[in-house]
Amino acid sequence: MPVHAPPAPLPLRKPLTPLAGEGCVRVIDPPEIAIVLTPDAAEISGLRLIAEADAARRKVNPGL
């Protein structure tokens, strides 16, 4: 009897919302399963993560 893989989750259309902490970036709204994003949501999430990574670095090293 063949084993069937579970169906892939539908891609998220809403980008993730990262927040800068002191030396870290916290993502508040990730699902508890593997994340599948649309290309647009992935791109926006990536840009947001980069921006929050910079903000987190500046909180630890304000001179940057």
PDB file of N, CA and C in Angstrom:
ATOM      1  N   MET A   1       0.850  -1.171   0.000  1.00  0.00           N
ATOM      2  CA  MET A   1       0.000   0.000   0.000  1.00  0.00           C
ATOM      3  C   MET A   1       0.897   1.237   0.000  1.00  0.00           C
ATOM      4  N   PRO A   2       0.726   2.172  -0.974  1.00  0.00           N
ATOM      5  CA  PRO A   2       1.598   3.355  -1.040  1.00  0.00           C
ATOM      6  C   PRO A   2       1.336   4.307   0.120  1.00  0.00           C
ATOM      7  N   VAL A   3       2.410   4.963   0.538  1.00  0.00           N
ATOM      8  CA  VAL A   3       2.312   5.968   1.596  1.00  0.00           C
ATOM      9  C   VAL A   3       2.172   7.330   0.929  1.00  0.00           C
ATOM     10  N   HIS A   4       1.163   8.060   1.313  1.00  0.00           N
ATOM     11  CA  HIS A   4       0.915   9.377   0.724  1.00  0.00           C
ATOM     12  C   HIS A   4       1.375  10.471   1.687  1.00  0.00           C
ATOM     13  N   ALA A   5       2.058  11.440   1.150  1.00  0.00           N
ATOM     14  CA  ALA A   5       2.487  12.587   1.960  1.00  0.00           C
ATOM     15  C   ALA A   5       1.277  13.462   2.254  1.00  0.00           C
ATOM     16  N   PRO A   6       1.273  14.120   3.410  1.00  0.00           N
ATOM     17  CA  PRO A   6       0.155  15.032   3.696  1.00  0.00           C
ATOM     18  C   PRO A   6       0.179  16.186   2.699  1.00  0.00           C
ATOM     19  N   PRO A   7      -0.975  16.777   2.451  1.00  0.00           N
ATOM     20  CA  PRO A   7      -0.993  17.904   1.509  1.00  0.00           C
ATOM     21  C   PRO A   7      -0.157  19.058   2.032  1.00  0.00           C
ATOM     22  N   ALA A   8       0.469  19.767   1.119  1.00  0.00           N
ATOM     23  CA  ALA A   8       1.279  20.937   1.501  1.00  0.00           C
ATOM     24  C   ALA A   8       0.357  22.021   2.032  1.00  0.00           C
ATOM     25  N   PRO A   9       0.807  22.745   3.058  1.00  0.00           N
ATOM     26  CA  PRO A   9      -0.031  23.844   3.559  1.00  0.00           C
ATOM     27  C   PRO A   9      -0.150  24.932   2.503  1.00  0.00           C
ATOM     28  N   LEU A  10      -1.251  25.637   2.540  1.00  0.00           N
ATOM     29  CA  LEU A  10      -1.435  26.750   1.613  1.00  0.00           C
ATOM     30  C   LEU A  10      -0.433  27.847   1.940  1.00  0.00           C
ATOM     31  N   PRO A  11       0.084  28.541   0.940  1.00  0.00           N
ATOM     32  CA  PRO A  11       1.053  29.607   1.219  1.00  0.00           C
ATOM     33  C   PRO A  11       0.404  30.764   1.982  1.00  0.00           C
ATOM     34  N   LEU A  12       1.149  31.286   2.940  1.00  0.00           N
ATOM     35  CA  LEU A  12       0.681  32.471   3.664  1.00  0.00           C
ATOM     36  C   LEU A  12       0.792  33.676   2.745  1.00  0.00           C
ATOM     37  N   ARG A  13      -0.212  34.485   2.748  1.00  0.00           N
ATOM     38  CA  ARG A  13      -0.192  35.701   1.939  1.00  0.00           C
ATOM     39  C   ARG A  13       0.253  36.908   2.764  1.00  0.00           C
ATOM     40  N   LYS A  14       0.146  36.790   4.085  1.00  0.00           N
ATOM     41  CA  LYS A  14       0.509  37.890   4.969  1.00  0.00           C
ATOM     42  C   LYS A  14       1.978  37.753   5.358  1.00  0.00           C
ATOM     43  N   PRO A  15       2.777  38.806   5.191  1.00  0.00           N
ATOM     44  CA  PRO A  15       4.180  38.738   5.591  1.00  0.00           C
ATOM     45  C   PRO A  15       4.317  38.604   7.113  1.00  0.00           C
ATOM     46  N   LEU A  16       5.445  38.075   7.537  1.00  0.00           N
ATOM     47  CA  LEU A  16       5.744  37.975   8.966  1.00  0.00           C
ATOM     48  C   LEU A  16       5.993  39.367   9.545  1.00  0.00           C
ATOM     49  N   THR A  17       5.837  39.489  10.865  1.00  0.00           N
ATOM     50  CA  THR A  17       6.039  40.768  11.539  1.00  0.00           C
ATOM     51  C   THR A  17       7.150  40.629  12.566  1.00  0.00           C
ATOM     52  N   PRO A  18       8.404  40.863  12.167  1.00  0.00           N
ATOM     53  CA  PRO A  18       9.513  40.774  13.125  1.00  0.00           C
ATOM     54  C   PRO A  18       9.624  42.053  13.955  1.00  0.00           C
ATOM     55  N   LEU A  19      10.131  41.907  15.175  1.00  0.00           N
ATOM     56  CA  LEU A  19      10.356  43.051  16.057  1.00  0.00           C
ATOM     57  C   LEU A  19      11.768  42.969  16.623  1.00  0.00           C
ATOM     58  N   ALA A  20      12.472  44.098  16.619  1.00  0.00           N
ATOM     59  CA  ALA A  20      13.836  44.142  17.137  1.00  0.00           C
ATOM     60  C   ALA A  20      13.819  44.139  18.657  1.00  0.00           C
ATOM     61  N   GLY A  21      14.669  43.308  19.235  1.00  0.00           N
ATOM     62  CA  GLY A  21      14.904  43.313  20.670  1.00  0.00           C
ATOM     63  C   GLY A  21      16.356  43.706  20.890  1.00  0.00           C
ATOM     64  N   GLU A  22      16.842  43.511  22.091  1.00  0.00           N
ATOM     65  CA  GLU A  22      18.241  43.814  22.364  1.00  0.00           C
ATOM     66  C   GLU A  22      19.086  42.634  21.917  1.00  0.00           C
ATOM     67  N   GLY A  23      19.693  42.754  20.770  1.00  0.00           N
ATOM     68  CA  GLY A  23      20.546  41.698  20.236  1.00  0.00           C
ATOM     69  C   GLY A  23      19.787  40.518  19.651  1.00  0.00           C
ATOM     70  N   CYS A  24      18.495  40.694  19.377  1.00  0.00           N
ATOM     71  CA  CYS A  24      17.721  39.609  18.775  1.00  0.00           C
ATOM     72  C   CYS A  24      16.588  40.188  17.935  1.00  0.00           C
ATOM     73  N   VAL A  25      16.018  39.353  17.106  1.00  0.00           N
ATOM     74  CA  VAL A  25      14.831  39.726  16.336  1.00  0.00           C
ATOM     75  C   VAL A  25      13.775  38.675  16.646  1.00  0.00           C
ATOM     76  N   ARG A  26      12.626  39.118  17.105  1.00  0.00           N
ATOM     77  CA  ARG A  26      11.535  38.219  17.479  1.00  0.00           C
ATOM     78  C   ARG A  26      10.462  38.272  16.393  1.00  0.00           C
ATOM     79  N   VAL A  27      10.012  37.112  15.950  1.00  0.00           N
ATOM     80  CA  VAL A  27       8.909  37.050  14.993  1.00  0.00           C
ATOM     81  C   VAL A  27       7.674  36.658  15.787  1.00  0.00           C
ATOM     82  N   ILE A  28       6.718  37.562  15.851  1.00  0.00           N
ATOM     83  CA  ILE A  28       5.555  37.395  16.718  1.00  0.00           C
ATOM     84  C   ILE A  28       4.539  36.394  16.161  1.00  0.00           C
ATOM     85  N   ASP A  29       4.352  36.384  14.866  1.00  0.00           N
ATOM     86  CA  ASP A  29       3.222  35.640  14.313  1.00  0.00           C
ATOM     87  C   ASP A  29       3.568  34.458  13.420  1.00  0.00           C
ATOM     88  N   PRO A  30       4.642  33.697  13.680  1.00  0.00           N
ATOM     89  CA  PRO A  30       4.862  32.553  12.798  1.00  0.00           C
ATOM     90  C   PRO A  30       3.919  31.412  13.174  1.00  0.00           C
ATOM     91  N   PRO A  31       3.476  30.655  12.191  1.00  0.00           N
ATOM     92  CA  PRO A  31       2.693  29.466  12.534  1.00  0.00           C
ATOM     93  C   PRO A  31       3.609  28.424  13.167  1.00  0.00           C
ATOM     94  N   GLU A  32       3.022  27.449  13.816  1.00  0.00           N
ATOM     95  CA  GLU A  32       3.820  26.427  14.502  1.00  0.00           C
ATOM     96  C   GLU A  32       4.194  25.267  13.592  1.00  0.00           C
ATOM     97  N   ILE A  33       3.990  25.434  12.301  1.00  0.00           N
ATOM     98  CA  ILE A  33       4.362  24.409  11.325  1.00  0.00           C
ATOM     99  C   ILE A  33       5.326  25.036  10.328  1.00  0.00           C
ATOM    100  N   ALA A  34       5.770  24.260   9.388  1.00  0.00           N
ATOM    101  CA  ALA A  34       6.641  24.823   8.351  1.00  0.00           C
ATOM    102  C   ALA A  34       5.931  25.985   7.664  1.00  0.00           C
ATOM    103  N   ILE A  35       6.679  27.009   7.359  1.00  0.00           N
ATOM    104  CA  ILE A  35       6.103  28.199   6.748  1.00  0.00           C
ATOM    105  C   ILE A  35       6.204  28.089   5.235  1.00  0.00           C
ATOM    106  N   VAL A  36       5.089  28.273   4.574  1.00  0.00           N
ATOM    107  CA  VAL A  36       5.033  28.336   3.121  1.00  0.00           C
ATOM    108  C   VAL A  36       4.459  29.701   2.784  1.00  0.00           C
ATOM    109  N   LEU A  37       5.253  30.530   2.108  1.00  0.00           N
ATOM    110  CA  LEU A  37       4.840  31.897   1.796  1.00  0.00           C
ATOM    111  C   LEU A  37       4.676  32.079   0.293  1.00  0.00           C
ATOM    112  N   THR A  38       3.820  33.009  -0.073  1.00  0.00           N
ATOM    113  CA  THR A  38       3.776  33.408  -1.473  1.00  0.00           C
ATOM    114  C   THR A  38       5.076  34.155  -1.758  1.00  0.00           C
ATOM    115  N   PRO A  39       5.468  34.292  -3.002  1.00  0.00           N
ATOM    116  CA  PRO A  39       6.689  35.046  -3.301  1.00  0.00           C
ATOM    117  C   PRO A  39       6.654  36.470  -2.735  1.00  0.00           C
ATOM    118  N   ASP A  40       5.527  37.153  -2.837  1.00  0.00           N
ATOM    119  CA  ASP A  40       5.439  38.522  -2.314  1.00  0.00           C
ATOM    120  C   ASP A  40       5.590  38.554  -0.795  1.00  0.00           C
ATOM    121  N   ALA A  41       4.910  37.641  -0.095  1.00  0.00           N
ATOM    122  CA  ALA A  41       4.997  37.607   1.362  1.00  0.00           C
ATOM    123  C   ALA A  41       6.417  37.258   1.803  1.00  0.00           C
ATOM    124  N   ALA A  42       7.085  36.354   1.081  1.00  0.00           N
ATOM    125  CA  ALA A  42       8.465  35.987   1.406  1.00  0.00           C
ATOM    126  C   ALA A  42       9.400  37.181   1.229  1.00  0.00           C
ATOM    127  N   GLU A  43       9.230  37.911   0.137  1.00  0.00           N
ATOM    128  CA  GLU A  43      10.091  39.069  -0.116  1.00  0.00           C
ATOM    129  C   GLU A  43       9.895  40.143   0.944  1.00  0.00           C
ATOM    130  N   ILE A  44       8.654  40.460   1.258  1.00  0.00           N
ATOM    131  CA  ILE A  44       8.376  41.492   2.267  1.00  0.00           C
ATOM    132  C   ILE A  44       8.881  41.039   3.632  1.00  0.00           C
ATOM    133  N   SER A  45       8.674  39.766   3.969  1.00  0.00           N
ATOM    134  CA  SER A  45       9.158  39.245   5.254  1.00  0.00           C
ATOM    135  C   SER A  45      10.670  39.355   5.341  1.00  0.00           C
ATOM    136  N   GLY A  46      11.368  39.032   4.252  1.00  0.00           N
ATOM    137  CA  GLY A  46      12.821  39.131   4.231  1.00  0.00           C
ATOM    138  C   GLY A  46      13.299  40.559   4.455  1.00  0.00           C
ATOM    139  N   LEU A  47      12.652  41.503   3.790  1.00  0.00           N
ATOM    140  CA  LEU A  47      13.025  42.915   3.964  1.00  0.00           C
ATOM    141  C   LEU A  47      12.773  43.366   5.400  1.00  0.00           C
ATOM    142  N   ARG A  48      11.647  42.930   5.954  1.00  0.00           N
ATOM    143  CA  ARG A  48      11.337  43.297   7.346  1.00  0.00           C
ATOM    144  C   ARG A  48      12.354  42.693   8.306  1.00  0.00           C
ATOM    145  N   LEU A  49      12.749  41.441   8.081  1.00  0.00           N
ATOM    146  CA  LEU A  49      13.743  40.805   8.949  1.00  0.00           C
ATOM    147  C   LEU A  49      15.078  41.533   8.886  1.00  0.00           C
ATOM    148  N   ILE A  50      15.491  41.940   7.696  1.00  0.00           N
ATOM    149  CA  ILE A  50      16.750  42.678   7.552  1.00  0.00           C
ATOM    150  C   ILE A  50      16.684  44.007   8.298  1.00  0.00           C
ATOM    151  N   ALA A  51      15.578  44.722   8.165  1.00  0.00           N
ATOM    152  CA  ALA A  51      15.425  46.013   8.850  1.00  0.00           C
ATOM    153  C   ALA A  51      15.439  45.835  10.366  1.00  0.00           C
ATOM    154  N   GLU A  52      14.755  44.810  10.862  1.00  0.00           N
ATOM    155  CA  GLU A  52      14.713  44.592  12.308  1.00  0.00           C
ATOM    156  C   GLU A  52      16.047  44.074  12.832  1.00  0.00           C
ATOM    157  N   ALA A  53      16.788  43.325  12.021  1.00  0.00           N
ATOM    158  CA  ALA A  53      18.126  42.886  12.429  1.00  0.00           C
ATOM    159  C   ALA A  53      19.027  44.105  12.630  1.00  0.00           C
ATOM    160  N   ASP A  54      18.931  45.074  11.727  1.00  0.00           N
ATOM    161  CA  ASP A  54      19.712  46.303  11.856  1.00  0.00           C
ATOM    162  C   ASP A  54      19.311  47.064  13.119  1.00  0.00           C
ATOM    163  N   ALA A  55      18.005  47.158  13.378  1.00  0.00           N
ATOM    164  CA  ALA A  55      17.528  47.861  14.577  1.00  0.00           C
ATOM    165  C   ALA A  55      17.996  47.154  15.846  1.00  0.00           C
ATOM    166  N   ALA A  56      17.981  45.814  15.854  1.00  0.00           N
ATOM    167  CA  ALA A  56      18.429  45.063  17.025  1.00  0.00           C
ATOM    168  C   ALA A  56      19.922  45.288  17.275  1.00  0.00           C
ATOM    169  N   ARG A  57      20.713  45.305  16.192  1.00  0.00           N
ATOM    170  CA  ARG A  57      22.155  45.566  16.319  1.00  0.00           C
ATOM    171  C   ARG A  57      22.396  46.946  16.914  1.00  0.00           C
ATOM    172  N   ARG A  58      21.643  47.931  16.467  1.00  0.00           N
ATOM    173  CA  ARG A  58      21.821  49.309  16.962  1.00  0.00           C
ATOM    174  C   ARG A  58      21.431  49.459  18.430  1.00  0.00           C
ATOM    175  N   LYS A  59      20.496  48.624  18.900  1.00  0.00           N
ATOM    176  CA  LYS A  59      20.128  48.664  20.332  1.00  0.00           C
ATOM    177  C   LYS A  59      21.289  48.186  21.193  1.00  0.00           C
ATOM    178  N   VAL A  60      22.058  47.229  20.691  1.00  0.00           N
ATOM    179  CA  VAL A  60      23.202  46.704  21.444  1.00  0.00           C
ATOM    180  C   VAL A  60      24.424  47.585  21.232  1.00  0.00           C
ATOM    181  N   ASN A  61      24.601  48.085  20.013  1.00  0.00           N
ATOM    182  CA  ASN A  61      25.756  48.947  19.650  1.00  0.00           C
ATOM    183  C   ASN A  61      25.223  50.237  19.033  1.00  0.00           C
ATOM    184  N   PRO A  62      24.795  51.191  19.864  1.00  0.00           N
ATOM    185  CA  PRO A  62      24.187  52.427  19.343  1.00  0.00           C
ATOM    186  C   PRO A  62      25.095  53.220  18.395  1.00  0.00           C
ATOM    187  N   GLY A  63      26.385  53.004  18.429  1.00  0.00           N
ATOM    188  CA  GLY A  63      27.300  53.750  17.561  1.00  0.00           C
ATOM    189  C   GLY A  63      27.330  53.281  16.125  1.00  0.00           C
ATOM    190  N   LEU A  64      26.644  52.197  15.809  1.00  0.00           N
ATOM    191  CA  LEU A  64      26.665  51.666  14.441  1.00  0.00           C
ATOM    192  C   LEU A  64      25.870  52.545  13.490  1.00  0.00           C
TER     193      LEU A  64
END
